[in-house]
Amino acid sequence: MAPKGGFDLTADALVRFLGKERQAFTREDLVKVVKANEVRMVNLNFVGGDGRLKSLSFALRSERHLRELLESGERVDGSSLFRYVDPARSDIYVIPRYSTAFLNPFTPTPTLNILCAYFDAEGTPVDVAPEHTVTAARLALTKATGLELYTLGELEYYAFLPPVGVDLFPATPQRNYHESAPFARCKHMNEEALHVLASIGVRSKYGHSEVGAIPTEGGGRIEQYEIEMELEPMDETADHIVLAKWVLRNIAARHGVSVTFSPKLGIGHAGSGMHVHMAAMKKGKNVMVDDRQELSETARRVIGGLIKLAPSLTAFGNTIPASYLRLVPHQEAPTCVCWGGMNRSVLVRVPLGWRHVGNLSAQVNPTVKRGAPPGKRYQTVEIRSPDGSANAHLLIAGIGVAARWGLASPDALPLAEQTRVSVNIFKEEHRDVRARLKELPASCGESADCLLEQAKFYEDGGVFSRRLVEGVAGQLRAFDDRQMIEDLRKDKAKAEEYAKDFLHCA
């Protein structure tokens, strides 16, 4: 019998079993899931200061034990998770968030995983906690503007394939975009990840092979892939980026290969970004286009906010020195603070949408009747600077802060107008356009400076705590990379060797 609510076709195992949306999950629902699936282990998961998923595992002893875990969580050492938490007062609670539960697809013993929130000894959300910060950003934006910001991430990564002797279907360096198997040897692994993500409640749009392909000795190869997520509320996007990385790493391990989200493996090879798309929503309706199907004032205000805080957003979205080996001209990575439509040389891009087209399917399918709607396709804007080193929760929170400023400030529209470009700024004939634009930071040290200079925007409304801002800035400055990045850009071999230190970032 199919569950009530029309969930019989969903790939999300718990939604299908319980017949309700995740936001409606209760403690009793999870007890029911554990009993029906003979679950014997529970993993409490939480995001550390490094942006990676952490785990605390429990072998269930009884139903009472399960209920205690679901109600009270456990204690952990905050100073070991966040460098800027004082060890003298570091005990914090991790409390399960029921809507995030899923059956672990990688454990031999039936296991339930649940993402958690951090609380201090007084029962207050921890002020440096990633999940608290992004939720605070979402609530502050909606309170100030009446709008919601939906976001999605494009997660690019490289897979390291072992030697095969003779490579029967070699890939062409820098030409692997949307290749199919057998030229894309890890395509099956990327597709497996899409299936697993759907089963644990992470919605994706699609997956494909990306541009990067780096031959190695003995017929080995390093191949680049991407998984693009679906538009969701800000805090869900952040959770799901972290889970997607966790899923991809586990699948890779199962196949005996390694994957990396590091932004740059070597000079001359495509870097891996983590572009973030966003759309302002009002009562469930996308408001990024107006009645004429043109980019709306709301959308241009959001863009103005991104332009304003772009220098400091790198502190959350580009967190390691290798990030600044990627942000160079002629690599489809931004270096200047500007925006434009369908222009891959800009920082903020307005992607091609379905605003001005009708029923295209009727032109290629004689069975399709004209006049059918083109489908639910939302217009978004995309910030292209972030990469896989990002702390997803802090990055998405920062984007929410930028959007809130843009939607509320009278300076946002003029700023957007001043920074709009319609040419490839990296071409020599447009160097005058490039010369009048501000540049993004060129190192972790510069990003830290920009964050501290613009700290008041992030601290406004209590979204980011001062301790968090100073902690992030301190971690960035500790790399001491201001001169080093310039030196690495001139030495290909040294840059490739240095990049190995950051293969497992975030």
Protein backbone atom coordinates (compact mmCIF):
# COMPACT_ATOMS: atom_id res chain seq x y z
CA MET A 1 0.00 0.00 0.00
CA ALA A 2 1.38 3.42 -0.95
CA PRO A 3 1.65 5.84 1.96
CA LYS A 4 -0.79 8.70 2.14
CA GLY A 5 0.31 12.10 0.94
CA GLY A 6 1.51 11.10 -2.53
CA PHE A 7 5.03 10.11 -1.43
CA ASP A 8 5.05 6.64 -2.99
CA LEU A 9 7.41 7.63 -5.84
CA THR A 10 9.93 9.65 -3.84
CA ALA A 11 13.47 8.31 -3.56
CA ASP A 12 13.74 9.65 0.02
CA ALA A 13 13.42 6.45 2.05
CA LEU A 14 12.12 8.03 5.28
CA VAL A 15 9.65 10.36 3.56
CA ARG A 16 8.27 7.43 1.61
CA PHE A 17 8.03 5.24 4.72
CA LEU A 18 6.43 7.87 6.97
CA GLY A 19 4.28 9.51 4.31
CA LYS A 20 5.06 13.05 5.41
CA GLU A 21 7.46 15.89 4.64
CA ARG A 22 10.71 16.00 6.60
CA GLN A 23 9.83 19.21 8.47
CA ALA A 24 6.97 17.29 10.08
CA PHE A 25 9.13 14.45 11.44
CA THR A 26 8.63 13.81 15.17
CA ARG A 27 10.46 11.81 17.78
CA GLU A 28 7.78 9.13 17.57
CA ASP A 29 8.33 8.94 13.80
CA LEU A 30 12.01 8.17 14.31
CA VAL A 31 11.24 5.56 16.95
CA LYS A 32 8.91 3.95 14.39
CA VAL A 33 11.68 4.03 11.74
CA VAL A 34 14.17 2.40 14.11
CA LYS A 35 11.78 -0.41 15.02
CA ALA A 36 10.60 -1.11 11.47
CA ASN A 37 14.14 -1.18 10.03
CA GLU A 38 15.74 -3.02 12.96
CA VAL A 39 18.19 -0.17 13.44
CA ARG A 40 20.93 -1.04 15.91
CA MET A 41 23.16 2.06 15.72
CA VAL A 42 22.58 5.81 15.89
CA ASN A 43 25.10 8.36 14.64
CA LEU A 44 24.79 11.95 15.82
CA ASN A 45 26.42 14.19 13.19
CA PHE A 46 27.51 17.81 13.44
CA VAL A 47 29.67 20.21 11.42
CA GLY A 48 33.04 21.23 12.80
CA GLY A 49 34.91 24.46 12.36
CA ASP A 50 36.71 22.89 9.39
CA GLY A 51 33.38 22.43 7.57
CA ARG A 52 33.53 18.63 7.67
CA LEU A 53 30.89 16.27 9.05
CA LYS A 54 31.69 14.81 12.48
CA SER A 55 30.16 11.69 14.05
CA LEU A 56 29.34 10.34 17.50
CA SER A 57 28.15 6.71 17.42
CA PHE A 58 25.83 4.82 19.78
CA ALA A 59 24.94 1.12 19.93
CA LEU A 60 21.28 1.06 20.93
CA ARG A 61 20.50 -0.82 24.15
CA SER A 62 16.77 -0.26 24.42
CA GLU A 63 13.88 1.93 23.32
CA ARG A 64 14.48 4.03 26.41
CA HIS A 65 18.09 4.58 25.32
CA LEU A 66 16.90 5.66 21.87
CA ARG A 67 14.38 8.11 23.30
CA GLU A 68 17.03 9.62 25.60
CA LEU A 69 19.34 10.19 22.64
CA LEU A 70 16.59 11.78 20.57
CA GLU A 71 15.56 14.06 23.43
CA SER A 72 18.82 15.01 25.11
CA GLY A 73 21.60 14.29 22.62
CA GLU A 74 25.10 14.22 24.12
CA ARG A 75 28.03 16.38 25.24
CA VAL A 76 31.10 17.06 23.09
CA ASP A 77 34.31 19.08 23.41
CA GLY A 78 33.74 22.37 21.59
CA SER A 79 37.41 23.43 21.73
CA SER A 80 38.39 20.35 19.69
CA LEU A 81 35.77 21.18 17.07
CA PHE A 82 36.35 24.95 16.89
CA ARG A 83 39.85 26.38 17.36
CA TYR A 84 38.49 29.62 18.78
CA VAL A 85 36.50 28.02 21.64
CA ASP A 86 38.18 28.34 25.04
CA PRO A 87 39.18 24.90 26.42
CA ALA A 88 38.39 26.20 29.92
CA ARG A 89 34.70 26.33 28.99
CA SER A 90 34.33 24.00 26.07
CA ASP A 91 31.64 21.42 26.94
CA ILE A 92 28.66 21.85 24.61
CA TYR A 93 25.55 19.81 23.81
CA VAL A 94 24.68 18.32 20.43
CA ILE A 95 20.90 17.99 20.05
CA PRO A 96 19.28 15.98 17.19
CA ARG A 97 17.26 17.81 14.52
CA TYR A 98 14.62 15.26 13.60
CA SER A 99 13.97 16.56 10.08
CA THR A 100 17.54 15.66 9.05
CA ALA A 101 17.42 11.95 9.94
CA PHE A 102 18.32 9.31 7.34
CA LEU A 103 19.23 5.64 7.14
CA ASN A 104 22.98 5.39 6.64
CA PRO A 105 23.63 3.87 3.18
CA PHE A 106 27.22 2.84 3.95
CA THR A 107 27.14 0.83 7.20
CA PRO A 108 26.72 -2.97 7.34
CA THR A 109 24.69 -2.61 10.55
CA PRO A 110 21.35 -0.76 10.11
CA THR A 111 22.14 2.76 11.32
CA LEU A 112 20.19 5.99 11.72
CA ASN A 113 22.10 9.25 11.22
CA ILE A 114 20.82 12.61 12.48
CA LEU A 115 22.32 16.08 12.10
CA CYS A 116 22.53 18.06 15.33
CA ALA A 117 22.52 21.62 16.66
CA TYR A 118 25.02 22.95 19.23
CA PHE A 119 23.94 24.44 22.59
CA ASP A 120 26.02 25.79 25.48
CA ALA A 121 25.75 25.01 29.19
CA GLU A 122 22.90 27.50 29.61
CA GLY A 123 20.88 25.96 26.76
CA THR A 124 21.64 28.81 24.34
CA PRO A 125 22.67 28.15 20.73
CA VAL A 126 26.48 28.29 20.50
CA ASP A 127 27.43 31.60 18.90
CA VAL A 128 30.06 30.05 16.58
CA ALA A 129 27.89 27.10 15.53
CA PRO A 130 27.56 26.81 11.73
CA GLU A 131 23.94 25.64 11.74
CA HIS A 132 22.90 28.40 14.17
CA THR A 133 24.60 31.09 12.06
CA VAL A 134 22.91 30.15 8.80
CA THR A 135 19.51 29.85 10.48
CA ALA A 136 20.00 33.27 12.09
CA ALA A 137 20.85 34.71 8.67
CA ARG A 138 17.69 33.22 7.15
CA LEU A 139 15.44 34.53 9.91
CA ALA A 140 17.03 37.99 9.89
CA LEU A 141 16.55 38.32 6.13
CA THR A 142 12.90 37.30 6.26
CA LYS A 143 12.19 39.56 9.25
CA ALA A 144 13.74 42.58 7.51
CA THR A 145 12.36 42.03 4.01
CA GLY A 146 9.43 39.61 4.12
CA LEU A 147 11.31 37.47 1.59
CA GLU A 148 12.99 34.10 1.73
CA LEU A 149 16.27 33.34 -0.02
CA TYR A 150 16.51 29.94 -1.67
CA THR A 151 19.97 28.72 -2.66
CA LEU A 152 21.78 25.84 -4.32
CA GLY A 153 25.40 24.82 -4.67
CA GLU A 154 27.32 23.49 -7.67
CA LEU A 155 29.74 20.99 -6.17
CA GLU A 156 32.78 20.32 -8.39
CA TYR A 157 35.39 17.72 -7.51
CA TYR A 158 38.19 15.59 -8.95
CA ALA A 159 38.40 11.80 -8.75
CA PHE A 160 41.83 10.09 -8.75
CA LEU A 161 41.82 6.93 -10.88
CA PRO A 162 44.61 4.31 -10.60
CA PRO A 163 46.74 3.15 -13.55
CA VAL A 164 45.06 0.73 -15.97
CA GLY A 165 47.99 -0.18 -18.20
CA VAL A 166 46.52 0.77 -21.55
CA ASP A 167 43.92 3.55 -21.45
CA LEU A 168 41.49 2.42 -24.17
CA PHE A 169 39.40 5.60 -24.04
CA PRO A 170 41.72 8.46 -23.09
CA ALA A 171 40.33 11.79 -22.00
CA THR A 172 41.51 15.05 -23.52
CA PRO A 173 42.85 17.53 -20.96
CA GLN A 174 40.58 20.54 -20.47
CA ARG A 175 38.02 18.98 -22.86
CA ASN A 176 36.08 16.54 -20.68
CA TYR A 177 32.93 18.68 -20.28
CA HIS A 178 29.77 16.49 -20.26
CA GLU A 179 31.66 13.46 -21.60
CA SER A 180 29.92 10.08 -21.39
CA ALA A 181 31.35 6.72 -20.40
CA PRO A 182 33.71 5.14 -21.30
CA PHE A 183 35.60 8.41 -21.91
CA ALA A 184 34.40 9.55 -18.46
CA ARG A 185 35.50 6.56 -16.37
CA CYS A 186 33.96 7.71 -13.07
CA LYS A 187 30.56 8.65 -14.47
CA HIS A 188 28.98 5.60 -12.80
CA MET A 189 30.30 6.78 -9.42
CA ASN A 190 28.82 10.26 -9.89
CA GLU A 191 25.46 8.70 -10.81
CA GLU A 192 25.63 6.43 -7.76
CA ALA A 193 26.09 9.54 -5.63
CA LEU A 194 22.96 11.12 -7.14
CA HIS A 195 20.96 8.02 -6.21
CA VAL A 196 22.33 7.84 -2.66
CA LEU A 197 21.74 11.55 -2.07
CA ALA A 198 18.11 11.20 -3.15
CA SER A 199 17.63 8.27 -0.77
CA ILE A 200 18.77 10.33 2.26
CA GLY A 201 16.69 13.41 1.42
CA VAL A 202 19.23 15.52 -0.49
CA ARG A 203 17.67 16.85 -3.68
CA SER A 204 19.96 17.33 -6.67
CA LYS A 205 19.29 18.80 -10.10
CA TYR A 206 21.81 16.79 -12.12
CA GLY A 207 25.34 15.47 -12.34
CA HIS A 208 27.89 15.43 -15.17
CA SER A 209 31.57 15.25 -16.01
CA GLU A 210 33.37 18.59 -15.99
CA VAL A 211 36.15 20.13 -18.07
CA GLY A 212 39.10 18.84 -16.09
CA ALA A 213 40.97 15.67 -17.11
CA ILE A 214 44.60 15.19 -16.03
CA PRO A 215 46.48 12.12 -17.37
CA THR A 216 48.86 10.41 -14.92
CA GLU A 217 51.48 7.69 -15.29
CA GLY A 218 50.53 4.17 -16.37
CA GLY A 219 47.18 5.10 -17.88
CA GLY A 220 45.88 6.68 -14.69
CA ARG A 221 43.78 9.79 -14.71
CA ILE A 222 42.31 12.56 -12.57
CA GLU A 223 38.77 13.36 -13.75
CA GLN A 224 36.55 16.28 -12.80
CA TYR A 225 32.82 15.99 -12.06
CA GLU A 226 29.99 18.12 -10.78
CA ILE A 227 26.77 17.61 -8.87
CA GLU A 228 24.38 20.55 -8.87
CA MET A 229 21.83 20.70 -6.07
CA GLU A 230 18.23 21.94 -6.17
CA LEU A 231 16.97 25.29 -4.85
CA GLU A 232 16.08 25.00 -1.17
CA PRO A 233 15.92 27.22 1.92
CA MET A 234 19.35 28.51 2.93
CA ASP A 235 19.93 26.29 5.95
CA GLU A 236 18.91 23.15 4.04
CA THR A 237 21.35 24.03 1.26
CA ALA A 238 24.21 24.25 3.75
CA ASP A 239 23.33 20.90 5.36
CA HIS A 240 23.04 19.24 1.99
CA ILE A 241 26.38 20.51 0.66
CA VAL A 242 28.08 18.96 3.69
CA LEU A 243 26.17 15.70 3.23
CA ALA A 244 26.97 15.61 -0.50
CA LYS A 245 30.69 15.80 0.24
CA TRP A 246 30.32 13.06 2.86
CA VAL A 247 28.42 10.84 0.40
CA LEU A 248 30.93 11.35 -2.42
CA ARG A 249 33.88 10.56 -0.17
CA ASN A 250 32.22 7.38 1.11
CA ILE A 251 31.31 6.20 -2.39
CA ALA A 252 34.83 6.91 -3.60
CA ALA A 253 36.28 4.91 -0.71
CA ARG A 254 33.96 2.03 -1.57
CA HIS A 255 35.32 2.05 -5.14
CA GLY A 256 38.93 2.28 -3.98
CA VAL A 257 39.52 5.79 -5.32
CA SER A 258 39.93 9.22 -3.74
CA VAL A 259 38.10 12.47 -4.45
CA THR A 260 39.04 16.04 -3.65
CA PHE A 261 37.07 19.30 -3.49
CA SER A 262 40.28 21.32 -3.38
CA PRO A 263 39.99 24.44 -5.57
CA LYS A 264 43.23 23.92 -7.53
CA LEU A 265 45.42 20.89 -8.24
CA GLY A 266 47.86 22.52 -10.61
CA ILE A 267 48.57 25.54 -12.77
CA GLY A 268 46.95 25.21 -16.20
CA HIS A 269 44.28 22.73 -15.14
CA ALA A 270 40.65 23.62 -14.44
CA GLY A 271 39.98 24.51 -10.83
CA SER A 272 37.00 23.27 -8.83
CA GLY A 273 34.52 25.91 -7.78
CA MET A 274 31.37 25.77 -5.73
CA HIS A 275 29.18 28.37 -7.40
CA VAL A 276 26.09 29.29 -5.39
CA HIS A 277 22.79 30.19 -7.09
CA MET A 278 20.05 32.06 -5.29
CA ALA A 279 16.48 33.21 -5.80
CA ALA A 280 14.37 35.53 -3.65
CA MET A 281 10.94 34.07 -2.91
CA LYS A 282 7.76 35.66 -1.60
CA LYS A 283 4.98 33.36 -0.41
CA GLY A 284 6.40 30.58 -2.53
CA LYS A 285 6.70 32.70 -5.69
CA ASN A 286 9.99 33.51 -7.38
CA VAL A 287 10.39 37.30 -7.54
CA MET A 288 13.61 37.48 -9.55
CA VAL A 289 11.73 38.57 -12.69
CA ASP A 290 9.05 41.22 -13.10
CA ASP A 291 5.76 41.21 -15.02
CA ARG A 292 7.66 41.87 -18.26
CA GLN A 293 9.85 38.82 -17.62
CA GLU A 294 12.89 41.07 -17.11
CA LEU A 295 15.30 40.90 -14.19
CA SER A 296 13.40 42.48 -11.29
CA GLU A 297 14.47 45.25 -8.95
CA THR A 298 14.55 42.64 -6.20
CA ALA A 299 17.07 40.57 -8.18
CA ARG A 300 19.23 43.61 -8.89
CA ARG A 301 19.18 44.51 -5.21
CA VAL A 302 20.37 41.02 -4.30
CA ILE A 303 23.16 41.44 -6.85
CA GLY A 304 24.08 44.80 -5.32
CA GLY A 305 24.39 43.13 -1.93
CA LEU A 306 26.67 40.43 -3.32
CA ILE A 307 28.82 43.09 -4.98
CA LYS A 308 29.05 45.05 -1.71
CA LEU A 309 30.22 42.13 0.43
CA ALA A 310 32.08 40.16 -2.25
CA PRO A 311 35.56 40.90 -0.82
CA SER A 312 34.68 39.57 2.65
CA LEU A 313 32.60 36.64 1.39
CA THR A 314 35.86 35.08 0.26
CA ALA A 315 36.69 34.61 3.96
CA PHE A 316 33.94 31.96 4.09
CA GLY A 317 34.02 30.71 0.49
CA ASN A 318 37.77 30.59 -0.24
CA THR A 319 39.40 29.42 2.94
CA ILE A 320 42.80 27.98 1.94
CA PRO A 321 45.78 29.33 -0.03
CA ALA A 322 44.99 27.02 -2.97
CA SER A 323 41.75 28.99 -3.38
CA TYR A 324 43.74 31.94 -4.67
CA LEU A 325 45.56 29.83 -7.25
CA ARG A 326 42.12 29.26 -8.80
CA LEU A 327 41.00 32.91 -8.81
CA VAL A 328 43.06 33.93 -11.84
CA PRO A 329 42.13 35.29 -15.29
CA HIS A 330 41.19 33.05 -18.26
CA GLN A 331 40.08 30.06 -16.13
CA GLU A 332 36.35 30.91 -15.88
CA ALA A 333 37.03 31.98 -12.31
CA PRO A 334 36.33 35.57 -11.24
CA THR A 335 38.99 38.06 -10.24
CA CYS A 336 37.02 41.35 -10.41
CA VAL A 337 33.90 42.50 -8.58
CA CYS A 338 31.27 42.86 -11.32
CA TRP A 339 28.21 41.14 -12.76
CA GLY A 340 26.45 40.44 -16.03
CA GLY A 341 24.09 38.16 -17.91
CA MET A 342 25.37 34.79 -19.18
CA ASN A 343 28.95 36.07 -18.79
CA ARG A 344 31.42 33.62 -17.27
CA SER A 345 34.13 36.22 -16.72
CA VAL A 346 32.14 38.05 -14.03
CA LEU A 347 31.77 37.46 -10.30
CA VAL A 348 27.96 37.40 -10.28
CA ARG A 349 26.30 35.87 -13.33
CA VAL A 350 22.66 35.88 -14.41
CA PRO A 351 22.26 32.43 -16.02
CA LEU A 352 20.13 31.76 -19.06
CA GLY A 353 16.56 31.23 -17.91
CA TRP A 354 13.24 30.26 -19.44
CA ARG A 355 11.87 33.81 -19.36
CA HIS A 356 11.49 34.47 -23.08
CA VAL A 357 10.77 31.05 -24.53
CA GLY A 358 7.55 29.18 -25.05
CA ASN A 359 6.92 25.52 -25.63
CA LEU A 360 10.22 24.45 -27.17
CA SER A 361 9.40 20.76 -26.84
CA ALA A 362 6.66 21.15 -29.46
CA GLN A 363 9.31 22.00 -32.06
CA VAL A 364 11.00 18.62 -31.74
CA ASN A 365 8.11 16.39 -30.60
CA PRO A 366 5.09 16.17 -32.92
CA THR A 367 3.01 14.64 -30.12
CA VAL A 368 3.31 17.80 -27.98
CA LYS A 369 0.50 20.32 -28.32
CA ARG A 370 1.42 23.98 -28.56
CA GLY A 371 0.45 26.20 -25.65
CA ALA A 372 1.70 23.85 -22.91
CA PRO A 373 3.60 25.70 -20.13
CA PRO A 374 7.41 25.37 -20.23
CA GLY A 375 7.55 24.00 -16.68
CA LYS A 376 8.65 25.35 -13.32
CA ARG A 377 12.05 26.88 -14.02
CA TYR A 378 13.22 29.54 -11.59
CA GLN A 379 15.45 32.43 -12.57
CA THR A 380 18.49 32.66 -10.32
CA VAL A 381 21.65 34.71 -9.95
CA GLU A 382 24.96 32.98 -9.30
CA ILE A 383 28.06 33.98 -7.34
CA ARG A 384 31.08 32.27 -8.86
CA SER A 385 33.92 32.92 -6.42
CA PRO A 386 33.33 30.20 -3.76
CA ASP A 387 35.06 26.83 -3.95
CA GLY A 388 35.00 23.47 -2.22
CA SER A 389 37.12 24.68 0.70
CA ALA A 390 34.15 26.74 1.90
CA ASN A 391 32.50 26.24 5.24
CA ALA A 392 29.10 25.83 3.58
CA HIS A 393 27.04 27.08 6.52
CA LEU A 394 29.07 30.25 7.03
CA LEU A 395 29.21 30.94 3.30
CA ILE A 396 25.45 30.60 2.81
CA ALA A 397 24.88 32.69 5.95
CA GLY A 398 27.18 35.37 4.54
CA ILE A 399 25.29 35.34 1.24
CA GLY A 400 22.08 35.82 3.23
CA VAL A 401 23.63 38.83 5.00
CA ALA A 402 24.67 40.29 1.63
CA ALA A 403 21.19 39.80 0.18
CA ARG A 404 19.59 41.43 3.23
CA TRP A 405 21.82 44.50 2.84
CA GLY A 406 21.01 44.71 -0.86
CA LEU A 407 17.27 44.44 -0.34
CA ALA A 408 17.25 47.13 2.36
CA SER A 409 19.91 49.63 1.30
CA PRO A 410 19.27 52.60 -1.04
CA ASP A 411 22.86 52.16 -2.27
CA ALA A 412 22.31 48.66 -3.67
CA LEU A 413 20.75 49.57 -7.04
CA PRO A 414 23.33 52.27 -7.92
CA LEU A 415 26.11 49.86 -6.97
CA ALA A 416 24.64 47.17 -9.20
CA GLU A 417 24.33 49.62 -12.08
CA GLN A 418 27.96 50.77 -11.72
CA THR A 419 29.39 47.24 -11.77
CA ARG A 420 27.41 45.70 -14.62
CA VAL A 421 29.51 44.57 -17.60
CA SER A 422 28.57 42.94 -20.90
CA VAL A 423 32.01 41.93 -22.22
CA ASN A 424 34.67 39.36 -21.42
CA ILE A 425 36.82 41.42 -19.09
CA PHE A 426 39.82 39.14 -19.58
CA LYS A 427 40.21 40.06 -23.26
CA GLU A 428 42.94 42.57 -23.93
CA GLU A 429 40.63 44.92 -25.84
CA HIS A 430 38.52 45.30 -22.66
CA ARG A 431 41.39 46.00 -20.26
CA ASP A 432 39.95 49.49 -19.67
CA VAL A 433 36.77 47.91 -18.30
CA ARG A 434 38.80 45.61 -16.07
CA ALA A 435 40.91 48.51 -14.83
CA ARG A 436 37.95 50.37 -13.32
CA LEU A 437 36.71 47.36 -11.34
CA LYS A 438 37.70 46.39 -7.81
CA GLU A 439 39.58 43.10 -7.51
CA LEU A 440 38.82 40.20 -5.18
CA PRO A 441 41.35 39.44 -2.43
CA ALA A 442 44.44 37.61 -3.67
CA SER A 443 45.25 35.60 -0.52
CA CYS A 444 43.79 34.28 2.72
CA GLY A 445 45.46 37.18 4.50
CA GLU A 446 43.73 39.76 2.31
CA SER A 447 40.39 37.96 2.79
CA ALA A 448 40.84 38.20 6.56
CA ASP A 449 41.47 41.96 6.23
CA CYS A 450 38.30 42.39 4.17
CA LEU A 451 36.25 40.38 6.65
CA LEU A 452 37.33 42.52 9.58
CA GLU A 453 36.72 45.71 7.57
CA GLN A 454 33.17 44.62 6.75
CA ALA A 455 32.47 42.81 10.04
CA LYS A 456 29.65 45.20 11.02
CA PHE A 457 27.45 43.87 8.21
CA TYR A 458 27.79 40.29 9.42
CA GLU A 459 27.37 41.15 13.09
CA ASP A 460 24.26 43.26 12.41
CA GLY A 461 21.25 41.59 14.00
CA GLY A 462 23.44 39.06 15.81
CA VAL A 463 23.84 36.78 12.80
CA PHE A 464 27.62 36.36 13.14
CA SER A 465 29.14 36.73 16.59
CA ARG A 466 32.28 38.81 17.03
CA ARG A 467 34.04 35.69 18.30
CA LEU A 468 33.19 33.86 15.08
CA VAL A 469 34.32 36.71 12.82
CA GLU A 470 37.61 37.09 14.65
CA GLY A 471 38.10 33.33 14.78
CA VAL A 472 37.66 32.94 11.01
CA ALA A 473 39.98 35.90 10.35
CA GLY A 474 42.60 34.42 12.67
CA GLN A 475 42.55 31.07 10.88
CA LEU A 476 43.00 32.78 7.52
CA ARG A 477 45.89 34.95 8.71
CA ALA A 478 47.65 31.92 10.16
CA PHE A 479 48.45 30.76 6.60
CA ASP A 480 50.72 33.81 6.19
CA ASP A 481 50.27 33.50 2.41
CA ARG A 482 50.28 37.06 1.03
CA GLN A 483 53.60 36.72 -0.81
CA MET A 484 53.50 32.94 -1.11
CA ILE A 485 50.55 32.90 -3.53
CA GLU A 486 52.31 35.19 -5.98
CA ASP A 487 55.40 32.98 -5.83
CA LEU A 488 53.39 29.78 -6.39
CA ARG A 489 51.66 31.23 -9.44
CA LYS A 490 55.10 31.55 -11.07
CA ASP A 491 56.29 28.03 -10.18
CA LYS A 492 54.07 25.25 -11.57
CA ALA A 493 55.89 22.35 -9.91
CA LYS A 494 55.97 24.05 -6.52
CA ALA A 495 52.27 24.96 -6.77
CA GLU A 496 51.28 21.35 -7.53
CA GLU A 497 53.32 20.07 -4.60
CA TYR A 498 51.85 22.68 -2.26
CA ALA A 499 48.27 21.89 -3.37
CA LYS A 500 48.65 18.33 -2.04
CA ASP A 501 48.42 19.69 1.51
CA PHE A 502 44.79 20.70 0.88
CA LEU A 503 43.33 17.67 -0.92
CA HIS A 504 40.88 16.95 1.91
CA CYS A 505 39.75 20.47 2.74
CA ALA A 506 36.27 20.99 4.21
